[in-house]
C-alpha cells in the first residue's frame, strides 16, 4: 500500500467498469446489475463517491438504453459524479450519447473531456524498441499490440504517428488527463512530483 499526504479535495477517483471479468454472467459486462454492483463495491472500498466512472469497451450484448440509463442512475444516486467511456468506435460512442440525449439522461451537453488511455503504448514509447521490461514479459496484450511491430516498418510509422499526435495536441492546447500506468514505487513518486509542475 502506498500513502500520499494531501488534501482529499485534490484527489480524483477514476474507476473503470469493464466487459471483462469473472465468468459469472452478472460479474462482467455492462448490464445494469453489473454496473450497480461494481459501483457499490468500489464505493464501499473507497469510503466515498467515485469522481469518474468509465465504461471500458462497449458491451454489444447489452442495449445502449440499458447502459446509459444505469450510468445516469449511478450519477443521480450521488455515488458517481461523472461518466466516461473508452476503447470503442466513435459511432458507438455517438450512439450512447444520442441515447442519453433522447431520454434526457446524463449526456454531453457540457462537452466531452479527453482522457488519453495508454498514450505511451504500454510504455513502449518510453524506451528503445526491443528493450525488455517487466511489462513486456508479463503483459499478455503487449506482444499482440506492440512487440510484433518492434523493429518493423510499422513500428517506425507508429513513432511518426505519435510525434504528429503530440504536435496536434500542443497546437489545439485542449487540456487532458492521461491515465498513468504505475508498476513501481518510483513511477508513483514521479507522478506525484508532476503535481508540482505549473
N, C-alpha and C. Protein backbone atom coordinates (compact mmCIF):
# COMPACT_ATOMS: atom_id res chain seq x y z
N UNK A 1 0.85 -1.18 0.00
CA UNK A 1 0.00 0.00 0.00
C UNK A 1 0.89 1.24 0.00
N UNK A 2 0.49 2.23 -0.76
CA UNK A 2 1.27 3.46 -0.88
C UNK A 2 0.43 4.61 -0.38
N UNK A 3 0.95 5.39 0.54
CA UNK A 3 0.19 6.51 1.10
C UNK A 3 0.77 7.83 0.65
N UNK A 4 -0.11 8.75 0.29
CA UNK A 4 0.28 10.09 -0.13
C UNK A 4 -0.43 11.07 0.78
N UNK A 5 0.31 12.00 1.34
CA UNK A 5 -0.29 13.00 2.20
C UNK A 5 -0.73 14.19 1.36
N UNK A 6 -2.04 14.43 1.32
CA UNK A 6 -2.56 15.57 0.56
C UNK A 6 -4.00 15.85 0.99
N UNK A 7 -4.53 16.94 0.52
CA UNK A 7 -5.91 17.32 0.77
C UNK A 7 -6.82 16.41 -0.05
N UNK A 8 -7.83 15.81 0.57
CA UNK A 8 -8.72 14.89 -0.13
C UNK A 8 -9.39 15.52 -1.34
N UNK A 9 -9.63 16.83 -1.29
CA UNK A 9 -10.27 17.52 -2.42
C UNK A 9 -9.36 17.60 -3.64
N UNK A 10 -8.06 17.32 -3.46
CA UNK A 10 -7.11 17.37 -4.57
C UNK A 10 -6.99 16.04 -5.30
N UNK A 11 -7.68 15.01 -4.83
CA UNK A 11 -7.59 13.68 -5.42
C UNK A 11 -8.90 13.34 -6.11
N UNK A 12 -8.81 12.77 -7.31
CA UNK A 12 -9.99 12.29 -8.02
C UNK A 12 -9.88 10.79 -8.19
N UNK A 13 -10.98 10.09 -7.95
CA UNK A 13 -11.01 8.65 -8.14
C UNK A 13 -11.69 8.35 -9.47
N UNK A 14 -10.93 7.76 -10.37
CA UNK A 14 -11.46 7.35 -11.66
C UNK A 14 -11.39 5.84 -11.72
N UNK A 15 -12.53 5.21 -11.90
CA UNK A 15 -12.60 3.76 -11.93
C UNK A 15 -13.23 3.31 -13.23
N UNK A 16 -12.94 2.09 -13.60
CA UNK A 16 -13.49 1.55 -14.84
C UNK A 16 -14.38 0.36 -14.59
N UNK A 17 -15.40 0.23 -15.41
CA UNK A 17 -16.25 -0.95 -15.40
C UNK A 17 -16.04 -1.60 -16.75
N UNK A 18 -15.64 -2.85 -16.75
CA UNK A 18 -15.19 -3.49 -17.98
C UNK A 18 -16.13 -4.59 -18.43
N UNK A 19 -15.99 -4.94 -19.71
CA UNK A 19 -16.73 -6.08 -20.23
C UNK A 19 -16.03 -7.37 -19.85
N UNK A 20 -14.77 -7.26 -19.40
CA UNK A 20 -14.03 -8.44 -18.98
C UNK A 20 -14.27 -8.66 -17.49
N UNK A 21 -14.15 -9.89 -17.07
CA UNK A 21 -14.33 -10.18 -15.65
C UNK A 21 -14.48 -11.66 -15.43
N UNK A 22 -14.98 -12.02 -14.27
CA UNK A 22 -15.17 -13.43 -13.96
C UNK A 22 -16.21 -14.01 -14.91
N UNK A 23 -16.27 -15.32 -14.93
CA UNK A 23 -17.15 -16.00 -15.88
C UNK A 23 -18.62 -15.95 -15.50
N UNK A 24 -18.93 -15.49 -14.29
CA UNK A 24 -20.33 -15.44 -13.89
C UNK A 24 -21.05 -14.37 -14.69
N UNK A 25 -22.24 -14.65 -15.10
CA UNK A 25 -22.98 -13.78 -16.02
C UNK A 25 -23.14 -12.35 -15.50
N UNK A 26 -23.34 -12.17 -14.22
CA UNK A 26 -23.56 -10.82 -13.69
C UNK A 26 -22.29 -10.18 -13.11
N UNK A 27 -21.14 -10.80 -13.34
CA UNK A 27 -19.89 -10.25 -12.83
C UNK A 27 -19.04 -9.63 -13.94
N UNK A 28 -19.61 -9.48 -15.11
CA UNK A 28 -18.88 -8.86 -16.21
C UNK A 28 -19.88 -8.18 -17.12
N UNK A 29 -19.38 -7.40 -18.04
CA UNK A 29 -20.24 -6.74 -19.00
C UNK A 29 -20.79 -5.43 -18.46
N UNK A 30 -21.69 -4.84 -19.23
CA UNK A 30 -22.25 -3.54 -18.86
C UNK A 30 -23.75 -3.62 -18.62
N UNK A 31 -24.19 -4.74 -18.07
CA UNK A 31 -25.60 -4.84 -17.68
C UNK A 31 -25.85 -3.90 -16.51
N UNK A 32 -27.09 -3.53 -16.32
CA UNK A 32 -27.45 -2.65 -15.20
C UNK A 32 -26.97 -3.25 -13.88
N UNK A 33 -27.19 -4.55 -13.70
CA UNK A 33 -26.79 -5.21 -12.45
C UNK A 33 -25.29 -5.11 -12.24
N UNK A 34 -24.51 -5.39 -13.27
CA UNK A 34 -23.05 -5.35 -13.09
C UNK A 34 -22.56 -3.93 -12.81
N UNK A 35 -23.10 -2.95 -13.51
CA UNK A 35 -22.70 -1.56 -13.27
C UNK A 35 -23.00 -1.18 -11.82
N UNK A 36 -24.21 -1.47 -11.35
CA UNK A 36 -24.57 -1.13 -9.96
C UNK A 36 -23.72 -1.90 -8.95
N UNK A 37 -23.51 -3.20 -9.19
CA UNK A 37 -22.69 -3.99 -8.27
C UNK A 37 -21.26 -3.48 -8.22
N UNK A 38 -20.69 -3.14 -9.39
CA UNK A 38 -19.31 -2.64 -9.45
C UNK A 38 -19.19 -1.30 -8.73
N UNK A 39 -20.16 -0.42 -8.94
CA UNK A 39 -20.14 0.89 -8.28
C UNK A 39 -20.29 0.72 -6.77
N UNK A 40 -21.25 -0.09 -6.33
CA UNK A 40 -21.45 -0.30 -4.89
C UNK A 40 -20.19 -0.86 -4.23
N UNK A 41 -19.55 -1.83 -4.88
CA UNK A 41 -18.33 -2.43 -4.31
C UNK A 41 -17.20 -1.40 -4.25
N UNK A 42 -17.06 -0.59 -5.28
CA UNK A 42 -16.00 0.42 -5.30
C UNK A 42 -16.23 1.51 -4.26
N UNK A 43 -17.47 1.96 -4.13
CA UNK A 43 -17.79 2.99 -3.13
C UNK A 43 -17.53 2.44 -1.73
N UNK A 44 -17.86 1.17 -1.50
CA UNK A 44 -17.60 0.56 -0.18
C UNK A 44 -16.09 0.50 0.10
N UNK A 45 -15.29 0.13 -0.91
CA UNK A 45 -13.84 0.07 -0.73
C UNK A 45 -13.23 1.45 -0.50
N UNK A 46 -13.69 2.44 -1.29
CA UNK A 46 -13.14 3.79 -1.21
C UNK A 46 -13.61 4.55 0.03
N UNK A 47 -14.84 4.27 0.45
CA UNK A 47 -15.42 5.01 1.55
C UNK A 47 -15.93 6.37 1.12
N UNK A 48 -16.04 6.59 -0.17
CA UNK A 48 -16.53 7.86 -0.71
C UNK A 48 -17.06 7.63 -2.12
N UNK A 49 -17.51 8.67 -2.75
CA UNK A 49 -18.05 8.58 -4.11
C UNK A 49 -16.93 8.39 -5.13
N UNK A 50 -17.31 8.07 -6.35
CA UNK A 50 -16.37 7.93 -7.48
C UNK A 50 -16.45 9.20 -8.30
N UNK A 51 -15.32 9.84 -8.55
CA UNK A 51 -15.33 11.07 -9.36
C UNK A 51 -15.71 10.78 -10.81
N UNK A 52 -15.07 9.79 -11.42
CA UNK A 52 -15.35 9.45 -12.82
C UNK A 52 -15.45 7.94 -12.94
N UNK A 53 -16.56 7.46 -13.50
CA UNK A 53 -16.72 6.04 -13.81
C UNK A 53 -16.63 5.89 -15.32
N UNK A 54 -15.66 5.13 -15.77
CA UNK A 54 -15.50 4.91 -17.20
C UNK A 54 -15.96 3.50 -17.55
N UNK A 55 -16.78 3.38 -18.58
CA UNK A 55 -17.05 2.05 -19.10
C UNK A 55 -15.90 1.75 -20.06
N UNK A 56 -15.35 0.57 -19.92
CA UNK A 56 -14.16 0.20 -20.68
C UNK A 56 -14.54 -0.90 -21.67
N UNK A 57 -14.61 -0.56 -22.90
CA UNK A 57 -15.03 -1.41 -24.02
C UNK A 57 -16.56 -1.55 -23.99
N UNK A 58 -17.16 -1.35 -25.12
CA UNK A 58 -18.61 -1.42 -25.23
C UNK A 58 -19.07 -2.88 -25.19
N UNK A 59 -20.07 -3.16 -24.39
CA UNK A 59 -20.68 -4.49 -24.32
C UNK A 59 -21.79 -4.52 -25.35
N UNK A 60 -21.55 -5.19 -26.45
CA UNK A 60 -22.51 -5.20 -27.56
C UNK A 60 -23.70 -6.12 -27.31
N UNK A 61 -23.67 -6.86 -26.20
CA UNK A 61 -24.79 -7.73 -25.85
C UNK A 61 -25.84 -7.01 -25.02
N UNK A 62 -25.53 -5.79 -24.59
CA UNK A 62 -26.45 -5.02 -23.75
C UNK A 62 -26.94 -3.82 -24.56
N UNK A 63 -28.26 -3.57 -24.59
CA UNK A 63 -28.77 -2.43 -25.35
C UNK A 63 -28.20 -1.11 -24.82
N UNK A 64 -27.94 -0.15 -25.72
CA UNK A 64 -27.40 1.14 -25.28
C UNK A 64 -28.30 1.83 -24.25
N UNK A 65 -29.61 1.62 -24.36
CA UNK A 65 -30.55 2.24 -23.40
C UNK A 65 -30.29 1.73 -21.99
N UNK A 66 -30.03 0.42 -21.85
CA UNK A 66 -29.77 -0.14 -20.51
C UNK A 66 -28.47 0.40 -19.94
N UNK A 67 -27.44 0.49 -20.78
CA UNK A 67 -26.14 1.01 -20.32
C UNK A 67 -26.28 2.45 -19.87
N UNK A 68 -26.87 3.29 -20.72
CA UNK A 68 -26.92 4.72 -20.42
C UNK A 68 -27.86 5.03 -19.27
N UNK A 69 -28.97 4.30 -19.15
CA UNK A 69 -29.87 4.55 -18.01
C UNK A 69 -29.18 4.16 -16.71
N UNK A 70 -28.44 3.04 -16.71
CA UNK A 70 -27.72 2.64 -15.50
C UNK A 70 -26.67 3.67 -15.13
N UNK A 71 -25.93 4.18 -16.12
CA UNK A 71 -24.92 5.21 -15.84
C UNK A 71 -25.57 6.48 -15.32
N UNK A 72 -26.69 6.86 -15.92
CA UNK A 72 -27.43 8.03 -15.46
C UNK A 72 -27.86 7.85 -14.00
N UNK A 73 -28.37 6.66 -13.69
CA UNK A 73 -28.88 6.40 -12.35
C UNK A 73 -27.78 6.40 -11.29
N UNK A 74 -26.57 5.90 -11.63
CA UNK A 74 -25.50 5.93 -10.62
C UNK A 74 -25.01 7.36 -10.39
N UNK A 75 -25.11 8.21 -11.42
CA UNK A 75 -24.78 9.63 -11.22
C UNK A 75 -25.84 10.28 -10.34
N UNK A 76 -27.12 10.04 -10.65
CA UNK A 76 -28.21 10.62 -9.87
C UNK A 76 -28.20 10.14 -8.42
N UNK A 77 -27.68 8.93 -8.19
CA UNK A 77 -27.63 8.39 -6.82
C UNK A 77 -26.58 9.09 -5.96
N UNK A 78 -25.67 9.83 -6.60
CA UNK A 78 -24.60 10.51 -5.87
C UNK A 78 -23.36 9.65 -5.67
N UNK A 79 -23.40 8.41 -6.13
CA UNK A 79 -22.24 7.54 -5.97
C UNK A 79 -21.16 7.83 -7.02
N UNK A 80 -21.55 8.44 -8.12
CA UNK A 80 -20.64 8.77 -9.22
C UNK A 80 -20.90 10.21 -9.63
N UNK A 81 -19.84 10.98 -9.85
CA UNK A 81 -20.02 12.37 -10.29
C UNK A 81 -20.11 12.50 -11.81
N UNK A 82 -19.20 11.84 -12.51
CA UNK A 82 -19.16 11.94 -13.98
C UNK A 82 -18.97 10.56 -14.57
N UNK A 83 -19.37 10.43 -15.83
CA UNK A 83 -19.20 9.15 -16.53
C UNK A 83 -18.29 9.35 -17.74
N UNK A 84 -17.71 8.27 -18.18
CA UNK A 84 -16.84 8.31 -19.35
C UNK A 84 -16.88 6.97 -20.06
N UNK A 85 -16.20 6.92 -21.20
CA UNK A 85 -16.15 5.69 -21.98
C UNK A 85 -14.81 5.61 -22.68
N UNK A 86 -14.36 4.38 -22.93
CA UNK A 86 -13.10 4.20 -23.64
C UNK A 86 -13.15 2.95 -24.50
N UNK A 87 -12.19 2.87 -25.39
CA UNK A 87 -11.98 1.68 -26.22
C UNK A 87 -13.23 1.26 -26.99
N UNK A 88 -13.74 2.19 -27.77
CA UNK A 88 -14.85 1.87 -28.66
C UNK A 88 -14.77 2.76 -29.88
N UNK A 89 -15.49 2.39 -30.92
CA UNK A 89 -15.51 3.20 -32.14
C UNK A 89 -16.30 4.48 -31.90
N UNK A 90 -15.99 5.51 -32.66
CA UNK A 90 -16.67 6.80 -32.47
C UNK A 90 -18.17 6.67 -32.71
N UNK A 91 -18.59 5.86 -33.66
CA UNK A 91 -20.03 5.73 -33.90
C UNK A 91 -20.72 5.05 -32.72
N UNK A 92 -20.01 4.16 -32.01
CA UNK A 92 -20.59 3.53 -30.82
C UNK A 92 -20.73 4.56 -29.69
N UNK A 93 -19.70 5.39 -29.53
CA UNK A 93 -19.75 6.45 -28.52
C UNK A 93 -20.88 7.43 -28.85
N UNK A 94 -21.00 7.80 -30.13
CA UNK A 94 -22.05 8.72 -30.55
C UNK A 94 -23.43 8.12 -30.29
N UNK A 95 -23.58 6.82 -30.50
CA UNK A 95 -24.86 6.15 -30.23
C UNK A 95 -25.23 6.26 -28.76
N UNK A 96 -24.25 6.05 -27.87
CA UNK A 96 -24.51 6.17 -26.44
C UNK A 96 -24.91 7.61 -26.08
N UNK A 97 -24.21 8.59 -26.66
CA UNK A 97 -24.54 9.99 -26.38
C UNK A 97 -25.94 10.34 -26.90
N UNK A 98 -26.26 9.87 -28.10
CA UNK A 98 -27.59 10.13 -28.68
C UNK A 98 -28.67 9.49 -27.81
N UNK A 99 -28.42 8.27 -27.34
CA UNK A 99 -29.38 7.58 -26.48
C UNK A 99 -29.63 8.36 -25.20
N UNK A 100 -28.56 8.87 -24.59
CA UNK A 100 -28.71 9.66 -23.36
C UNK A 100 -29.50 10.93 -23.62
N UNK A 101 -29.17 11.62 -24.70
CA UNK A 101 -29.86 12.87 -25.02
C UNK A 101 -31.34 12.63 -25.31
N UNK A 102 -31.62 11.57 -26.05
CA UNK A 102 -33.00 11.23 -26.42
C UNK A 102 -33.88 11.00 -25.20
N UNK A 103 -33.32 10.40 -24.15
CA UNK A 103 -34.09 10.07 -22.96
C UNK A 103 -33.93 11.08 -21.83
N UNK A 104 -33.15 12.13 -22.06
CA UNK A 104 -32.96 13.15 -21.02
C UNK A 104 -32.05 12.69 -19.89
N UNK A 105 -31.17 11.72 -20.18
CA UNK A 105 -30.24 11.23 -19.17
C UNK A 105 -28.94 12.03 -19.25
N UNK A 106 -28.01 11.69 -18.35
CA UNK A 106 -26.69 12.32 -18.33
C UNK A 106 -26.11 12.27 -19.74
N UNK A 107 -25.80 13.44 -20.28
CA UNK A 107 -25.27 13.47 -21.65
C UNK A 107 -24.11 14.43 -21.75
N UNK A 108 -23.73 14.74 -22.97
CA UNK A 108 -22.53 15.55 -23.17
C UNK A 108 -22.84 17.02 -23.42
N UNK A 109 -23.89 17.55 -22.82
CA UNK A 109 -24.26 18.94 -23.08
C UNK A 109 -23.16 19.93 -22.69
N UNK A 110 -22.31 19.55 -21.75
CA UNK A 110 -21.24 20.46 -21.33
C UNK A 110 -19.91 20.12 -21.99
N UNK A 111 -19.92 19.24 -22.95
CA UNK A 111 -18.68 18.89 -23.64
C UNK A 111 -18.15 17.54 -23.22
N UNK A 112 -17.23 17.05 -23.99
CA UNK A 112 -16.63 15.75 -23.73
C UNK A 112 -15.17 15.97 -23.39
N UNK A 113 -14.74 15.49 -22.24
CA UNK A 113 -13.35 15.61 -21.84
C UNK A 113 -12.49 14.55 -22.52
N UNK A 114 -11.20 14.77 -22.51
CA UNK A 114 -10.26 13.86 -23.15
C UNK A 114 -9.37 13.22 -22.10
N UNK A 115 -9.37 11.89 -22.08
CA UNK A 115 -8.51 11.14 -21.17
C UNK A 115 -7.73 10.13 -22.01
N UNK A 116 -6.51 10.46 -22.40
CA UNK A 116 -5.73 9.51 -23.20
C UNK A 116 -5.46 8.23 -22.42
N UNK A 117 -5.76 7.12 -23.03
CA UNK A 117 -5.56 5.82 -22.41
C UNK A 117 -4.35 5.18 -23.10
N UNK A 118 -3.36 4.84 -22.33
CA UNK A 118 -2.12 4.26 -22.82
C UNK A 118 -1.45 5.14 -23.88
N UNK A 119 -1.27 6.44 -23.58
CA UNK A 119 -0.68 7.33 -24.58
C UNK A 119 0.76 6.99 -24.93
N UNK A 120 1.41 6.20 -24.10
CA UNK A 120 2.80 5.81 -24.38
C UNK A 120 2.89 4.35 -24.82
N UNK A 121 1.79 3.83 -25.38
CA UNK A 121 1.75 2.47 -25.94
C UNK A 121 2.29 1.44 -24.95
N UNK A 122 1.66 1.43 -23.77
CA UNK A 122 2.03 0.47 -22.73
C UNK A 122 3.52 0.56 -22.36
N UNK A 123 4.06 1.78 -22.44
CA UNK A 123 5.45 2.02 -22.06
C UNK A 123 6.45 1.81 -23.17
N UNK A 124 6.01 1.28 -24.32
CA UNK A 124 6.93 1.00 -25.42
C UNK A 124 7.59 2.27 -25.95
N UNK A 125 6.91 3.41 -25.85
CA UNK A 125 7.47 4.65 -26.38
C UNK A 125 8.40 5.34 -25.38
N UNK A 126 8.61 4.73 -24.22
CA UNK A 126 9.49 5.33 -23.21
C UNK A 126 10.87 4.70 -23.20
N UNK A 127 11.09 3.72 -24.05
CA UNK A 127 12.39 3.04 -24.10
C UNK A 127 12.68 2.64 -25.54
N UNK A 128 13.92 2.26 -25.83
CA UNK A 128 14.25 1.84 -27.20
C UNK A 128 13.40 0.64 -27.62
N UNK A 129 13.01 0.60 -28.89
CA UNK A 129 12.25 -0.55 -29.39
C UNK A 129 13.06 -1.82 -29.16
N UNK A 130 12.39 -2.84 -28.70
CA UNK A 130 13.04 -4.11 -28.46
C UNK A 130 13.58 -4.26 -27.05
N UNK A 131 13.54 -3.18 -26.26
CA UNK A 131 14.04 -3.25 -24.88
C UNK A 131 13.11 -4.08 -24.01
N UNK A 132 13.69 -4.92 -23.18
CA UNK A 132 12.90 -5.74 -22.28
C UNK A 132 12.50 -4.95 -21.04
N UNK A 133 11.34 -5.29 -20.50
CA UNK A 133 10.85 -4.64 -19.29
C UNK A 133 9.95 -5.62 -18.56
N UNK A 134 9.58 -5.26 -17.35
CA UNK A 134 8.64 -6.08 -16.59
C UNK A 134 7.34 -6.24 -17.39
N UNK A 135 6.86 -5.14 -17.98
CA UNK A 135 5.62 -5.19 -18.74
C UNK A 135 5.74 -6.11 -19.95
N UNK A 136 6.82 -5.99 -20.72
CA UNK A 136 6.94 -6.80 -21.94
C UNK A 136 6.97 -8.29 -21.62
N UNK A 137 7.40 -8.63 -20.40
CA UNK A 137 7.45 -10.04 -20.02
C UNK A 137 6.19 -10.56 -19.37
N UNK A 138 5.31 -9.67 -18.89
CA UNK A 138 4.14 -10.13 -18.15
C UNK A 138 2.80 -9.70 -18.74
N UNK A 139 2.80 -8.70 -19.62
CA UNK A 139 1.55 -8.17 -20.18
C UNK A 139 1.10 -9.04 -21.35
N UNK A 140 -0.02 -9.71 -21.19
CA UNK A 140 -0.48 -10.63 -22.23
C UNK A 140 -0.86 -9.92 -23.53
N UNK A 141 -1.18 -8.62 -23.47
CA UNK A 141 -1.55 -7.90 -24.68
C UNK A 141 -0.34 -7.23 -25.35
N UNK A 142 0.78 -7.14 -24.63
CA UNK A 142 1.94 -6.42 -25.15
C UNK A 142 2.40 -6.99 -26.48
N UNK A 143 2.52 -8.31 -26.57
CA UNK A 143 3.01 -8.94 -27.79
C UNK A 143 2.09 -8.65 -28.96
N UNK A 144 0.81 -8.76 -28.74
CA UNK A 144 -0.16 -8.55 -29.82
C UNK A 144 -0.16 -7.10 -30.29
N UNK A 145 -0.13 -6.17 -29.34
CA UNK A 145 -0.26 -4.75 -29.68
C UNK A 145 1.05 -4.07 -30.03
N UNK A 146 2.14 -4.47 -29.40
CA UNK A 146 3.39 -3.74 -29.52
C UNK A 146 4.53 -4.59 -30.07
N UNK A 147 4.83 -5.70 -29.44
CA UNK A 147 6.06 -6.45 -29.72
C UNK A 147 6.16 -6.90 -31.17
N UNK A 148 5.06 -7.27 -31.79
CA UNK A 148 5.12 -7.71 -33.18
C UNK A 148 5.51 -6.59 -34.13
N UNK A 149 5.38 -5.34 -33.69
CA UNK A 149 5.72 -4.19 -34.55
C UNK A 149 7.15 -3.72 -34.33
N UNK A 150 7.77 -4.18 -33.24
CA UNK A 150 9.10 -3.70 -32.89
C UNK A 150 10.09 -4.04 -34.01
N UNK A 151 10.83 -3.02 -34.43
CA UNK A 151 11.85 -3.22 -35.46
C UNK A 151 11.28 -3.28 -36.86
N UNK A 152 9.97 -3.25 -37.00
CA UNK A 152 9.38 -3.30 -38.33
C UNK A 152 9.10 -1.90 -38.83
N UNK A 153 8.79 -1.81 -40.09
CA UNK A 153 8.43 -0.51 -40.68
C UNK A 153 7.20 0.05 -39.97
N UNK A 154 6.28 -0.84 -39.58
CA UNK A 154 5.06 -0.40 -38.90
C UNK A 154 5.40 0.28 -37.58
N UNK A 155 6.40 -0.22 -36.87
CA UNK A 155 6.83 0.41 -35.62
C UNK A 155 7.34 1.82 -35.86
N UNK A 156 8.09 2.01 -36.95
CA UNK A 156 8.58 3.35 -37.31
C UNK A 156 7.42 4.28 -37.62
N UNK A 157 6.42 3.76 -38.32
CA UNK A 157 5.23 4.55 -38.64
C UNK A 157 4.52 4.96 -37.35
N UNK A 158 4.39 4.01 -36.40
CA UNK A 158 3.74 4.32 -35.13
C UNK A 158 4.45 5.46 -34.42
N UNK A 159 5.79 5.46 -34.46
CA UNK A 159 6.56 6.52 -33.80
C UNK A 159 6.29 7.86 -34.48
N UNK A 160 6.19 7.86 -35.82
CA UNK A 160 5.86 9.09 -36.55
C UNK A 160 4.46 9.57 -36.18
N UNK A 161 3.53 8.65 -36.08
CA UNK A 161 2.15 9.00 -35.71
C UNK A 161 2.14 9.62 -34.32
N UNK A 162 2.89 9.03 -33.39
CA UNK A 162 2.95 9.58 -32.03
C UNK A 162 3.45 11.01 -32.04
N UNK A 163 4.47 11.29 -32.83
CA UNK A 163 5.01 12.64 -32.93
C UNK A 163 3.96 13.60 -33.49
N UNK A 164 3.22 13.17 -34.51
CA UNK A 164 2.18 14.03 -35.09
C UNK A 164 1.03 14.26 -34.11
N UNK A 165 0.65 13.22 -33.38
CA UNK A 165 -0.42 13.36 -32.39
C UNK A 165 0.00 14.35 -31.32
N UNK A 166 1.25 14.27 -30.89
CA UNK A 166 1.76 15.20 -29.88
C UNK A 166 1.71 16.64 -30.41
N UNK A 167 2.06 16.84 -31.67
CA UNK A 167 2.04 18.18 -32.27
C UNK A 167 0.61 18.73 -32.33
N UNK A 168 -0.34 17.89 -32.74
CA UNK A 168 -1.74 18.32 -32.80
C UNK A 168 -2.23 18.69 -31.40
N UNK A 169 -1.88 17.88 -30.40
CA UNK A 169 -2.30 18.17 -29.02
C UNK A 169 -1.76 19.52 -28.56
N UNK A 170 -0.51 19.81 -28.89
CA UNK A 170 0.08 21.10 -28.50
C UNK A 170 -0.58 22.25 -29.24
N UNK A 171 -0.86 22.05 -30.54
CA UNK A 171 -1.49 23.11 -31.35
C UNK A 171 -2.90 23.42 -30.86
N UNK A 172 -3.65 22.39 -30.52
CA UNK A 172 -5.03 22.57 -30.07
C UNK A 172 -5.10 23.06 -28.63
N UNK A 173 -4.09 22.72 -27.85
CA UNK A 173 -3.99 23.14 -26.45
C UNK A 173 -5.23 22.80 -25.63
N UNK A 174 -5.86 21.67 -25.95
CA UNK A 174 -7.01 21.22 -25.16
C UNK A 174 -6.49 20.41 -23.98
N UNK A 175 -6.91 20.77 -22.79
CA UNK A 175 -6.45 20.06 -21.61
C UNK A 175 -6.89 18.61 -21.62
N UNK A 176 -6.10 17.78 -21.01
CA UNK A 176 -6.47 16.38 -20.89
C UNK A 176 -5.83 15.80 -19.64
N UNK A 177 -6.34 14.66 -19.22
CA UNK A 177 -5.83 14.00 -18.03
C UNK A 177 -5.47 12.57 -18.39
N UNK A 178 -4.21 12.31 -18.74
CA UNK A 178 -3.84 10.95 -19.15
C UNK A 178 -3.92 9.96 -18.00
N UNK A 179 -4.22 8.72 -18.34
CA UNK A 179 -4.22 7.64 -17.36
C UNK A 179 -2.79 7.12 -17.28
N UNK A 180 -2.23 7.13 -16.08
CA UNK A 180 -0.84 6.73 -15.90
C UNK A 180 -0.76 5.29 -15.42
N UNK A 181 0.09 4.51 -16.08
CA UNK A 181 0.34 3.15 -15.62
C UNK A 181 1.53 3.17 -14.67
N UNK A 182 1.34 2.63 -13.49
CA UNK A 182 2.42 2.68 -12.49
C UNK A 182 2.73 1.27 -12.00
N UNK A 183 3.93 0.80 -12.32
CA UNK A 183 4.30 -0.55 -11.91
C UNK A 183 5.42 -0.57 -10.87
N UNK A 184 5.73 0.59 -10.30
CA UNK A 184 6.77 0.62 -9.27
C UNK A 184 6.58 1.86 -8.39
N UNK A 185 7.21 1.82 -7.22
CA UNK A 185 7.14 2.96 -6.31
C UNK A 185 7.76 4.19 -6.96
N UNK A 186 8.82 3.98 -7.74
CA UNK A 186 9.49 5.09 -8.43
C UNK A 186 8.52 5.81 -9.37
N UNK A 187 7.69 5.04 -10.11
CA UNK A 187 6.73 5.65 -11.04
C UNK A 187 5.66 6.45 -10.29
N UNK A 188 5.25 5.95 -9.13
CA UNK A 188 4.28 6.68 -8.31
C UNK A 188 4.88 8.00 -7.85
N UNK A 189 6.13 7.95 -7.39
CA UNK A 189 6.81 9.17 -6.94
C UNK A 189 6.95 10.18 -8.08
N UNK A 190 7.25 9.71 -9.29
CA UNK A 190 7.35 10.60 -10.45
C UNK A 190 6.00 11.25 -10.76
N UNK A 191 4.93 10.46 -10.66
CA UNK A 191 3.60 11.00 -10.93
C UNK A 191 3.22 12.05 -9.89
N UNK A 192 3.51 11.76 -8.63
CA UNK A 192 3.21 12.73 -7.56
C UNK A 192 4.04 14.00 -7.77
N UNK A 193 5.30 13.86 -8.16
CA UNK A 193 6.16 15.03 -8.39
C UNK A 193 5.63 15.89 -9.53
N UNK A 194 4.93 15.29 -10.48
CA UNK A 194 4.39 16.06 -11.60
C UNK A 194 3.31 17.05 -11.15
N UNK A 195 2.74 16.84 -9.97
CA UNK A 195 1.73 17.76 -9.45
C UNK A 195 2.33 19.13 -9.16
N UNK A 196 3.64 19.19 -8.99
CA UNK A 196 4.32 20.46 -8.68
C UNK A 196 4.66 21.26 -9.92
N UNK A 197 4.47 20.68 -11.11
CA UNK A 197 4.79 21.36 -12.37
C UNK A 197 3.66 22.32 -12.71
N UNK A 198 4.00 23.56 -13.04
CA UNK A 198 2.98 24.56 -13.42
C UNK A 198 2.96 24.76 -14.91
